[in-house]
Amino acid sequence: MYRYNIFFCSISFFLFNCTSNPFWEDPKTIDRILKGTISLVNSNYSHPVLLWDNYSEEISETDSAGNFLLELSSLYNQTNVGSGELKLYFFALNYYIDSASVYLVEGLFSDNQTDFDREGNLIKDISLRKKVDGEIIINNELLSEDTLDLKFVFEIFEPLVIKSYVYIDPNLECASGLFFYNVDNEEVIIYNHSSISDEGILVQDQLKYNDYEVNDTHLWNYVVAMDKVNLNTGKYIIKPYFLIMDNSPENTSDLYSLEFDKNYLNIPSDIKSDTLYIE
């Protein structure tokens, strides 16, 4: 589902005029292209990285190798003076956010830079460190004709808080919140565990926030009622929903979602999925 083309976009915003910071007072260059490569530490496979800035609400992607090219053609015009620090942020779902700054004078590059050179090339090493690594695994295909048993095994590399769904009733406690992505037609089926209690009451899953310590390995077990996902014949990639708190963009777009909906799958991640074949 990811798009691996190098993005080429323009961002427009008002940067406050500043006359006292030496970064902004020096002579400036005329090049207005930012470019560079973002790397992922211990990545399971190549995938894009999200990119956004501290002024606009636009979110873009690098290509699958981490390369980006950003044109700042709309920064400067006759009425808005683009002077100040433009900060770019880089993010993947299970990695730390990192950033790089470029200093501008009237929409052009200042000669004094720390993270980019005067030609707009990224010189700061941006190597995103992994926070969580994991894999979703089908235990034994179908437990029965109507039940699928899965597990999510994951390791924590930094203390953190994870938001996820869990189902609890007197007879069962299990993880919840799964995506079934149909490879053939790109349809996304979202699964939340629920059941009817002995008293005839609908019991649904709930969001839960859990603290995890460094180097802990954890296991979430899923029990999927197949009649509630209604999968047609085809090949399905299965992925879990979770969110690392305080480690995501403040703003999202229609294409990228931090909530439990299909656009969550557009956020780059190297969490390993498993594949289910329905015949």
C-alpha atoms as a PDB file:
ATOM      1  CA  MET A   1       0.000   0.000   0.000  1.00  0.00           C
ATOM      2  CA  TYR A   2       2.955   2.345   0.402  1.00  0.00           C
ATOM      3  CA  ARG A   3       3.951   4.672  -2.409  1.00  0.00           C
ATOM      4  CA  TYR A   4       7.682   4.551  -3.017  1.00  0.00           C
ATOM      5  CA  ASN A   5       8.155   7.555  -5.312  1.00  0.00           C
ATOM      6  CA  ILE A   6      10.451  10.341  -4.193  1.00  0.00           C
ATOM      7  CA  PHE A   7       8.161  13.216  -3.231  1.00  0.00           C
ATOM      8  CA  PHE A   8       8.557  16.668  -4.691  1.00  0.00           C
ATOM      9  CA  CYS A   9       6.355  19.258  -3.027  1.00  0.00           C
ATOM     10  CA  SER A  10       6.072  22.888  -2.028  1.00  0.00           C
ATOM     11  CA  ILE A  11       5.121  24.170   1.400  1.00  0.00           C
ATOM     12  CA  SER A  12       3.787  27.611   2.165  1.00  0.00           C
ATOM     13  CA  PHE A  13       3.867  29.261   5.549  1.00  0.00           C
ATOM     14  CA  PHE A  14       4.681  32.523   7.301  1.00  0.00           C
ATOM     15  CA  LEU A  15       8.048  32.600   9.060  1.00  0.00           C
ATOM     16  CA  PHE A  16       8.526  35.344  11.601  1.00  0.00           C
ATOM     17  CA  ASN A  17      11.016  38.023  10.690  1.00  0.00           C
ATOM     18  CA  CYS A  18      14.087  38.037  12.907  1.00  0.00           C
ATOM     19  CA  THR A  19      16.950  40.573  12.951  1.00  0.00           C
ATOM     20  CA  SER A  20      18.990  39.489  15.955  1.00  0.00           C
ATOM     21  CA  ASN A  21      19.995  35.873  15.317  1.00  0.00           C
ATOM     22  CA  PRO A  22      23.336  35.438  13.495  1.00  0.00           C
ATOM     23  CA  PHE A  23      21.979  32.430  11.623  1.00  0.00           C
ATOM     24  CA  TRP A  24      19.626  34.762   9.781  1.00  0.00           C
ATOM     25  CA  GLU A  25      21.721  37.943   9.383  1.00  0.00           C
ATOM     26  CA  ASP A  26      24.491  36.549   7.153  1.00  0.00           C
ATOM     27  CA  PRO A  27      24.440  36.620   3.339  1.00  0.00           C
ATOM     28  CA  LYS A  28      22.189  34.003   1.869  1.00  0.00           C
ATOM     29  CA  THR A  29      22.304  31.547  -1.007  1.00  0.00           C
ATOM     30  CA  ILE A  30      19.696  31.282  -3.750  1.00  0.00           C
ATOM     31  CA  ASP A  31      19.321  27.477  -3.775  1.00  0.00           C
ATOM     32  CA  ARG A  32      15.912  26.482  -2.401  1.00  0.00           C
ATOM     33  CA  ILE A  33      15.963  22.697  -2.637  1.00  0.00           C
ATOM     34  CA  LEU A  34      16.356  20.482   0.444  1.00  0.00           C
ATOM     35  CA  LYS A  35      17.488  16.929  -0.170  1.00  0.00           C
ATOM     36  CA  GLY A  36      19.012  14.035   1.716  1.00  0.00           C
ATOM     37  CA  THR A  37      18.704  10.440   2.870  1.00  0.00           C
ATOM     38  CA  ILE A  38      17.190   9.119   6.115  1.00  0.00           C
ATOM     39  CA  SER A  39      18.343   5.732   7.389  1.00  0.00           C
ATOM     40  CA  LEU A  40      16.658   3.221   9.692  1.00  0.00           C
ATOM     41  CA  VAL A  41      18.701   1.365  12.312  1.00  0.00           C
ATOM     42  CA  ASN A  42      18.192  -2.426  12.276  1.00  0.00           C
ATOM     43  CA  SER A  43      15.327  -2.263   9.801  1.00  0.00           C
ATOM     44  CA  ASN A  44      13.714  -5.561   8.812  1.00  0.00           C
ATOM     45  CA  TYR A  45      13.234  -4.288   5.247  1.00  0.00           C
ATOM     46  CA  SER A  46      13.350  -1.022   3.282  1.00  0.00           C
ATOM     47  CA  HIS A  47      10.367   1.286   3.577  1.00  0.00           C
ATOM     48  CA  PRO A  48       9.599   5.023   3.382  1.00  0.00           C
ATOM     49  CA  VAL A  49       9.777   7.546   6.223  1.00  0.00           C
ATOM     50  CA  LEU A  50       7.173  10.255   6.846  1.00  0.00           C
ATOM     51  CA  LEU A  51       8.298  13.872   6.611  1.00  0.00           C
ATOM     52  CA  TRP A  52       6.620  17.093   7.768  1.00  0.00           C
ATOM     53  CA  ASP A  53       7.622  20.568   8.975  1.00  0.00           C
ATOM     54  CA  ASN A  54       6.859  22.786  11.961  1.00  0.00           C
ATOM     55  CA  TYR A  55       4.662  25.248  10.051  1.00  0.00           C
ATOM     56  CA  SER A  56       2.455  23.527   7.513  1.00  0.00           C
ATOM     57  CA  GLU A  57       0.102  20.587   7.992  1.00  0.00           C
ATOM     58  CA  GLU A  58       1.373  18.716   4.952  1.00  0.00           C
ATOM     59  CA  ILE A  59       2.826  15.209   5.448  1.00  0.00           C
ATOM     60  CA  SER A  60       4.891  13.525   2.732  1.00  0.00           C
ATOM     61  CA  GLU A  61       7.063  10.437   2.323  1.00  0.00           C
ATOM     62  CA  THR A  62      10.617   9.671   1.364  1.00  0.00           C
ATOM     63  CA  ASP A  63      11.111   6.882  -1.136  1.00  0.00           C
ATOM     64  CA  SER A  64      11.705   3.328   0.099  1.00  0.00           C
ATOM     65  CA  ALA A  65      15.440   4.021   0.424  1.00  0.00           C
ATOM     66  CA  GLY A  66      14.870   7.084   2.612  1.00  0.00           C
ATOM     67  CA  ASN A  67      15.657   9.698  -0.065  1.00  0.00           C
ATOM     68  CA  PHE A  68      13.783  13.001  -0.062  1.00  0.00           C
ATOM     69  CA  LEU A  69      13.703  16.111  -2.252  1.00  0.00           C
ATOM     70  CA  LEU A  70      11.821  19.175  -1.021  1.00  0.00           C
ATOM     71  CA  GLU A  71      11.341  22.393  -3.017  1.00  0.00           C
ATOM     72  CA  LEU A  72      10.753  25.556  -1.000  1.00  0.00           C
ATOM     73  CA  SER A  73       9.488  27.597  -3.943  1.00  0.00           C
ATOM     74  CA  SER A  74       6.512  29.114  -2.100  1.00  0.00           C
ATOM     75  CA  LEU A  75       8.343  30.297   1.002  1.00  0.00           C
ATOM     76  CA  TYR A  76       8.990  33.804  -0.148  1.00  0.00           C
ATOM     77  CA  ASN A  77       6.770  36.403  -1.791  1.00  0.00           C
ATOM     78  CA  GLN A  78       6.315  40.152  -1.708  1.00  0.00           C
ATOM     79  CA  THR A  79       4.073  40.257   1.364  1.00  0.00           C
ATOM     80  CA  ASN A  80       5.409  37.527   3.669  1.00  0.00           C
ATOM     81  CA  VAL A  81       9.030  37.633   4.757  1.00  0.00           C
ATOM     82  CA  GLY A  82      10.277  34.095   5.229  1.00  0.00           C
ATOM     83  CA  SER A  83      12.953  34.404   7.894  1.00  0.00           C
ATOM     84  CA  GLY A  84      13.554  31.949  10.703  1.00  0.00           C
ATOM     85  CA  GLU A  85      14.079  28.287  11.451  1.00  0.00           C
ATOM     86  CA  LEU A  86      12.303  25.686   9.353  1.00  0.00           C
ATOM     87  CA  LYS A  87      12.336  22.351  11.166  1.00  0.00           C
ATOM     88  CA  LEU A  88      11.759  19.060   9.347  1.00  0.00           C
ATOM     89  CA  TYR A  89      10.647  15.943  11.229  1.00  0.00           C
ATOM     90  CA  PHE A  90      11.166  12.307  10.202  1.00  0.00           C
ATOM     91  CA  PHE A  91       9.028   9.444  11.490  1.00  0.00           C
ATOM     92  CA  ALA A  92       8.175   5.760  11.115  1.00  0.00           C
ATOM     93  CA  LEU A  93       5.616   3.988  13.296  1.00  0.00           C
ATOM     94  CA  ASN A  94       7.959   1.937  15.494  1.00  0.00           C
ATOM     95  CA  TYR A  95      10.959   4.302  15.426  1.00  0.00           C
ATOM     96  CA  TYR A  96      12.008   7.476  17.212  1.00  0.00           C
ATOM     97  CA  ILE A  97      11.191  10.826  15.635  1.00  0.00           C
ATOM     98  CA  ASP A  98      14.225  12.871  14.597  1.00  0.00           C
ATOM     99  CA  SER A  99      14.545  16.323  13.029  1.00  0.00           C
ATOM    100  CA  ALA A 100      16.784  18.679  11.049  1.00  0.00           C
ATOM    101  CA  SER A 101      16.718  22.476  10.814  1.00  0.00           C
ATOM    102  CA  VAL A 102      17.361  24.936   8.011  1.00  0.00           C
ATOM    103  CA  TYR A 103      17.717  28.701   8.601  1.00  0.00           C
ATOM    104  CA  LEU A 104      16.142  31.119   6.125  1.00  0.00           C
ATOM    105  CA  VAL A 105      16.373  34.805   5.280  1.00  0.00           C
ATOM    106  CA  GLU A 106      13.512  36.171   3.196  1.00  0.00           C
ATOM    107  CA  GLY A 107      12.740  32.688   1.953  1.00  0.00           C
ATOM    108  CA  LEU A 108      16.356  31.915   1.011  1.00  0.00           C
ATOM    109  CA  PHE A 109      19.041  29.876   2.770  1.00  0.00           C
ATOM    110  CA  SER A 110      21.235  31.669   5.275  1.00  0.00           C
ATOM    111  CA  ASP A 111      24.976  31.020   4.842  1.00  0.00           C
ATOM    112  CA  ASN A 112      25.150  29.712   8.409  1.00  0.00           C
ATOM    113  CA  GLN A 113      23.590  26.252   8.638  1.00  0.00           C
ATOM    114  CA  THR A 114      23.975  23.355  11.056  1.00  0.00           C
ATOM    115  CA  ASP A 115      22.044  20.438   9.547  1.00  0.00           C
ATOM    116  CA  PHE A 116      22.167  21.280   5.819  1.00  0.00           C
ATOM    117  CA  ASP A 117      24.980  22.669   3.695  1.00  0.00           C
ATOM    118  CA  ARG A 118      24.662  25.846   1.580  1.00  0.00           C
ATOM    119  CA  GLU A 119      23.412  23.807  -1.371  1.00  0.00           C
ATOM    120  CA  GLY A 120      20.556  22.316   0.641  1.00  0.00           C
ATOM    121  CA  ASN A 121      22.103  18.874   1.161  1.00  0.00           C
ATOM    122  CA  LEU A 122      21.409  17.200   4.480  1.00  0.00           C
ATOM    123  CA  ILE A 123      24.697  16.877   6.401  1.00  0.00           C
ATOM    124  CA  LYS A 124      23.266  15.838   9.754  1.00  0.00           C
ATOM    125  CA  ASP A 125      23.191  12.079  10.233  1.00  0.00           C
ATOM    126  CA  ILE A 126      19.520  11.106  10.613  1.00  0.00           C
ATOM    127  CA  SER A 127      19.441   7.425  11.608  1.00  0.00           C
ATOM    128  CA  LEU A 128      16.098   6.610  13.205  1.00  0.00           C
ATOM    129  CA  ARG A 129      16.423   4.249  16.159  1.00  0.00           C
ATOM    130  CA  LYS A 130      13.900   1.488  16.633  1.00  0.00           C
ATOM    131  CA  LYS A 131      11.589   1.553  19.656  1.00  0.00           C
ATOM    132  CA  VAL A 132       9.635  -1.656  19.041  1.00  0.00           C
ATOM    133  CA  ASP A 133      10.262  -4.708  16.879  1.00  0.00           C
ATOM    134  CA  GLY A 134       7.689  -7.427  16.443  1.00  0.00           C
ATOM    135  CA  GLU A 135       5.909  -9.998  14.331  1.00  0.00           C
ATOM    136  CA  ILE A 136       2.323 -11.161  13.987  1.00  0.00           C
ATOM    137  CA  ILE A 137       2.112 -14.961  13.689  1.00  0.00           C
ATOM    138  CA  ILE A 138      -0.740 -17.325  12.861  1.00  0.00           C
ATOM    139  CA  ASN A 139      -0.376 -20.060  15.469  1.00  0.00           C
ATOM    140  CA  ASN A 140      -2.035 -22.966  13.704  1.00  0.00           C
ATOM    141  CA  GLU A 141      -4.238 -21.588  10.945  1.00  0.00           C
ATOM    142  CA  LEU A 142      -7.851 -22.139  12.004  1.00  0.00           C
ATOM    143  CA  LEU A 143      -8.427 -23.522  15.504  1.00  0.00           C
ATOM    144  CA  SER A 144     -11.765 -24.634  14.160  1.00  0.00           C
ATOM    145  CA  GLU A 145     -13.886 -23.725  11.182  1.00  0.00           C
ATOM    146  CA  ASP A 146     -14.890 -20.461  12.857  1.00  0.00           C
ATOM    147  CA  THR A 147     -11.883 -19.395  14.975  1.00  0.00           C
ATOM    148  CA  LEU A 148      -8.419 -18.129  14.085  1.00  0.00           C
ATOM    149  CA  ASP A 149      -5.608 -18.074  16.662  1.00  0.00           C
ATOM    150  CA  LEU A 150      -2.822 -15.501  16.300  1.00  0.00           C
ATOM    151  CA  LYS A 151      -0.077 -13.988  18.409  1.00  0.00           C
ATOM    152  CA  PHE A 152       1.957 -10.788  18.279  1.00  0.00           C
ATOM    153  CA  VAL A 153       5.473 -11.217  19.664  1.00  0.00           C
ATOM    154  CA  PHE A 154       7.371  -7.972  20.193  1.00  0.00           C
ATOM    155  CA  GLU A 155      10.466  -6.578  21.883  1.00  0.00           C
ATOM    156  CA  ILE A 156      10.843  -3.188  23.561  1.00  0.00           C
ATOM    157  CA  PHE A 157      14.100  -1.216  23.223  1.00  0.00           C
ATOM    158  CA  GLU A 158      13.164   1.890  25.246  1.00  0.00           C
ATOM    159  CA  PRO A 159      10.730   2.507  28.126  1.00  0.00           C
ATOM    160  CA  LEU A 160       7.443   3.526  26.566  1.00  0.00           C
ATOM    161  CA  VAL A 161       3.645   3.471  26.731  1.00  0.00           C
ATOM    162  CA  ILE A 162       1.640   1.631  24.059  1.00  0.00           C
ATOM    163  CA  LYS A 163      -2.032   2.151  23.267  1.00  0.00           C
ATOM    164  CA  SER A 164      -3.848  -0.925  21.972  1.00  0.00           C
ATOM    165  CA  TYR A 165      -7.170  -2.761  22.119  1.00  0.00           C
ATOM    166  CA  VAL A 166      -7.897  -5.544  24.585  1.00  0.00           C
ATOM    167  CA  TYR A 167     -10.982  -7.682  25.147  1.00  0.00           C
ATOM    168  CA  ILE A 168     -11.880  -8.745  28.714  1.00  0.00           C
ATOM    169  CA  ASP A 169     -14.811 -10.725  30.040  1.00  0.00           C
ATOM    170  CA  PRO A 170     -15.125 -13.361  32.823  1.00  0.00           C
ATOM    171  CA  ASN A 171     -14.288 -16.172  30.395  1.00  0.00           C
ATOM    172  CA  LEU A 172     -11.649 -14.655  28.121  1.00  0.00           C
ATOM    173  CA  GLU A 173      -8.944 -11.999  27.970  1.00  0.00           C
ATOM    174  CA  CYS A 174      -7.231 -11.445  24.643  1.00  0.00           C
ATOM    175  CA  ALA A 175      -5.697  -8.776  22.436  1.00  0.00           C
ATOM    176  CA  SER A 176      -7.904  -7.085  19.851  1.00  0.00           C
ATOM    177  CA  GLY A 177      -7.557  -4.702  16.940  1.00  0.00           C
ATOM    178  CA  LEU A 178      -6.377  -6.350  13.700  1.00  0.00           C
ATOM    179  CA  PHE A 179      -6.206  -5.426  10.019  1.00  0.00           C
ATOM    180  CA  PHE A 180      -6.852  -7.986   7.260  1.00  0.00           C
ATOM    181  CA  TYR A 181      -5.531  -6.541   3.983  1.00  0.00           C
ATOM    182  CA  ASN A 182      -6.691  -8.286   0.811  1.00  0.00           C
ATOM    183  CA  VAL A 183      -3.701  -8.359  -1.540  1.00  0.00           C
ATOM    184  CA  ASP A 184      -5.874  -9.007  -4.588  1.00  0.00           C
ATOM    185  CA  ASN A 185      -8.316  -6.077  -4.343  1.00  0.00           C
ATOM    186  CA  GLU A 186      -6.661  -3.913  -1.618  1.00  0.00           C
ATOM    187  CA  GLU A 187      -9.732  -4.112   0.600  1.00  0.00           C
ATOM    188  CA  VAL A 188      -9.051  -3.611   4.323  1.00  0.00           C
ATOM    189  CA  ILE A 189     -11.130  -5.473   6.920  1.00  0.00           C
ATOM    190  CA  ILE A 190     -10.922  -4.137  10.491  1.00  0.00           C
ATOM    191  CA  TYR A 191     -11.507  -6.557  13.349  1.00  0.00           C
ATOM    192  CA  ASN A 192     -12.549  -5.792  16.945  1.00  0.00           C
ATOM    193  CA  HIS A 193     -13.305  -8.680  19.265  1.00  0.00           C
ATOM    194  CA  SER A 194     -16.756  -8.712  20.868  1.00  0.00           C
ATOM    195  CA  SER A 195     -19.226 -11.246  22.223  1.00  0.00           C
ATOM    196  CA  ILE A 196     -22.612 -11.594  23.900  1.00  0.00           C
ATOM    197  CA  SER A 197     -22.482 -12.332  27.634  1.00  0.00           C
ATOM    198  CA  ASP A 198     -24.611 -14.959  29.400  1.00  0.00           C
ATOM    199  CA  GLU A 199     -26.935 -12.107  30.348  1.00  0.00           C
ATOM    200  CA  GLY A 200     -27.381 -11.163  26.690  1.00  0.00           C
ATOM    201  CA  ILE A 201     -25.233  -8.018  26.907  1.00  0.00           C
ATOM    202  CA  LEU A 202     -22.818  -7.032  24.142  1.00  0.00           C
ATOM    203  CA  VAL A 203     -19.250  -6.997  25.499  1.00  0.00           C
ATOM    204  CA  GLN A 204     -16.803  -5.040  23.346  1.00  0.00           C
ATOM    205  CA  ASP A 205     -13.064  -4.520  23.410  1.00  0.00           C
ATOM    206  CA  GLN A 206     -11.552  -1.376  24.902  1.00  0.00           C
ATOM    207  CA  LEU A 207      -8.482   0.796  24.519  1.00  0.00           C
ATOM    208  CA  LYS A 208      -5.772   0.175  27.079  1.00  0.00           C
ATOM    209  CA  TYR A 209      -2.502   1.975  27.842  1.00  0.00           C
ATOM    210  CA  ASN A 210       0.357  -0.225  29.046  1.00  0.00           C
ATOM    211  CA  ASP A 211       3.835   0.701  30.304  1.00  0.00           C
ATOM    212  CA  TYR A 212       6.732  -1.376  28.977  1.00  0.00           C
ATOM    213  CA  GLU A 213      10.328  -1.522  30.160  1.00  0.00           C
ATOM    214  CA  VAL A 214      13.558  -1.790  28.196  1.00  0.00           C
ATOM    215  CA  ASN A 215      14.462  -5.130  26.573  1.00  0.00           C
ATOM    216  CA  ASP A 216      11.183  -6.736  27.573  1.00  0.00           C
ATOM    217  CA  THR A 217       9.721  -9.311  25.173  1.00  0.00           C
ATOM    218  CA  HIS A 218       5.934  -9.562  25.189  1.00  0.00           C
ATOM    219  CA  LEU A 219       3.175 -11.683  23.717  1.00  0.00           C
ATOM    220  CA  TRP A 220      -0.335 -10.663  22.742  1.00  0.00           C
ATOM    221  CA  ASN A 221      -2.786 -13.447  21.903  1.00  0.00           C
ATOM    222  CA  TYR A 222      -5.690 -12.926  19.501  1.00  0.00           C
ATOM    223  CA  VAL A 223      -8.781 -15.100  19.077  1.00  0.00           C
ATOM    224  CA  VAL A 224     -10.606 -14.132  15.896  1.00  0.00           C
ATOM    225  CA  ALA A 225     -14.215 -15.119  15.298  1.00  0.00           C
ATOM    226  CA  MET A 226     -14.161 -15.686  11.546  1.00  0.00           C
ATOM    227  CA  ASP A 227     -17.884 -15.051  11.110  1.00  0.00           C
ATOM    228  CA  LYS A 228     -17.266 -11.449  12.249  1.00  0.00           C
ATOM    229  CA  VAL A 229     -14.626 -10.639   9.646  1.00  0.00           C
ATOM    230  CA  ASN A 230     -16.392 -12.272   6.688  1.00  0.00           C
ATOM    231  CA  LEU A 231     -13.304 -12.786   4.556  1.00  0.00           C
ATOM    232  CA  ASN A 232     -13.821 -13.653   0.915  1.00  0.00           C
ATOM    233  CA  THR A 233     -11.561 -16.007  -0.987  1.00  0.00           C
ATOM    234  CA  GLY A 234      -8.094 -14.535  -1.350  1.00  0.00           C
ATOM    235  CA  LYS A 235      -4.730 -13.723   0.210  1.00  0.00           C
ATOM    236  CA  TYR A 236      -4.732 -11.545   3.334  1.00  0.00           C
ATOM    237  CA  ILE A 237      -1.884  -9.776   5.120  1.00  0.00           C
ATOM    238  CA  ILE A 238      -2.585  -9.501   8.859  1.00  0.00           C
ATOM    239  CA  LYS A 239      -1.248  -6.598  10.920  1.00  0.00           C
ATOM    240  CA  PRO A 240      -1.910  -5.460  14.519  1.00  0.00           C
ATOM    241  CA  TYR A 241      -2.999  -2.013  15.629  1.00  0.00           C
ATOM    242  CA  PHE A 242      -0.942  -0.263  18.288  1.00  0.00           C
ATOM    243  CA  LEU A 243       0.386   3.227  18.901  1.00  0.00           C
ATOM    244  CA  ILE A 244       3.486   4.327  20.800  1.00  0.00           C
ATOM    245  CA  MET A 245       2.438   7.353  22.837  1.00  0.00           C
ATOM    246  CA  ASP A 246       4.280  10.690  22.556  1.00  0.00           C
ATOM    247  CA  ASN A 247       6.001   9.487  19.382  1.00  0.00           C
ATOM    248  CA  SER A 248       3.904  10.628  16.450  1.00  0.00           C
ATOM    249  CA  PRO A 249       2.973  13.708  14.390  1.00  0.00           C
ATOM    250  CA  GLU A 250       0.750  16.256  16.106  1.00  0.00           C
ATOM    251  CA  ASN A 251      -1.226  16.607  12.885  1.00  0.00           C
ATOM    252  CA  THR A 252      -2.254  13.873  10.506  1.00  0.00           C
ATOM    253  CA  SER A 253      -3.900  13.988   7.092  1.00  0.00           C
ATOM    254  CA  ASP A 254      -6.632  12.109   5.288  1.00  0.00           C
ATOM    255  CA  LEU A 255      -3.991   9.705   3.986  1.00  0.00           C
ATOM    256  CA  TYR A 256      -2.259   8.921   7.290  1.00  0.00           C
ATOM    257  CA  SER A 257      -4.104   8.028  10.466  1.00  0.00           C
ATOM    258  CA  LEU A 258      -2.981   7.203  13.993  1.00  0.00           C
ATOM    259  CA  GLU A 259      -6.424   5.845  14.803  1.00  0.00           C
ATOM    260  CA  PHE A 260      -7.812   2.373  14.166  1.00  0.00           C
ATOM    261  CA  ASP A 261      -8.847   2.831  10.534  1.00  0.00           C
ATOM    262  CA  LYS A 262      -7.495   1.686   7.180  1.00  0.00           C
ATOM    263  CA  ASN A 263      -5.233   4.728   6.689  1.00  0.00           C
ATOM    264  CA  TYR A 264      -3.182   3.614   9.687  1.00  0.00           C
ATOM    265  CA  LEU A 265      -1.641   1.084   7.287  1.00  0.00           C
ATOM    266  CA  ASN A 266      -0.164   3.956   5.255  1.00  0.00           C
ATOM    267  CA  ILE A 267       2.166   4.897   8.106  1.00  0.00           C
ATOM    268  CA  PRO A 268       5.559   3.299   7.372  1.00  0.00           C
ATOM    269  CA  SER A 269       6.561   0.455   9.670  1.00  0.00           C
ATOM    270  CA  ASP A 270       8.695  -2.681   9.545  1.00  0.00           C
ATOM    271  CA  ILE A 271       6.558  -4.709  11.962  1.00  0.00           C
ATOM    272  CA  LYS A 272       6.418  -8.152  10.357  1.00  0.00           C
ATOM    273  CA  SER A 273       3.031  -9.392   9.203  1.00  0.00           C
ATOM    274  CA  ASP A 274       1.688 -12.862   8.503  1.00  0.00           C
ATOM    275  CA  THR A 275      -0.377 -14.085   5.568  1.00  0.00           C
ATOM    276  CA  LEU A 276      -3.690 -15.940   5.598  1.00  0.00           C
ATOM    277  CA  TYR A 277      -5.074 -17.752   2.551  1.00  0.00           C
ATOM    278  CA  ILE A 278      -8.835 -18.177   2.294  1.00  0.00           C
ATOM    279  CA  GLU A 279      -9.952 -20.750  -0.285  1.00  0.00           C
END
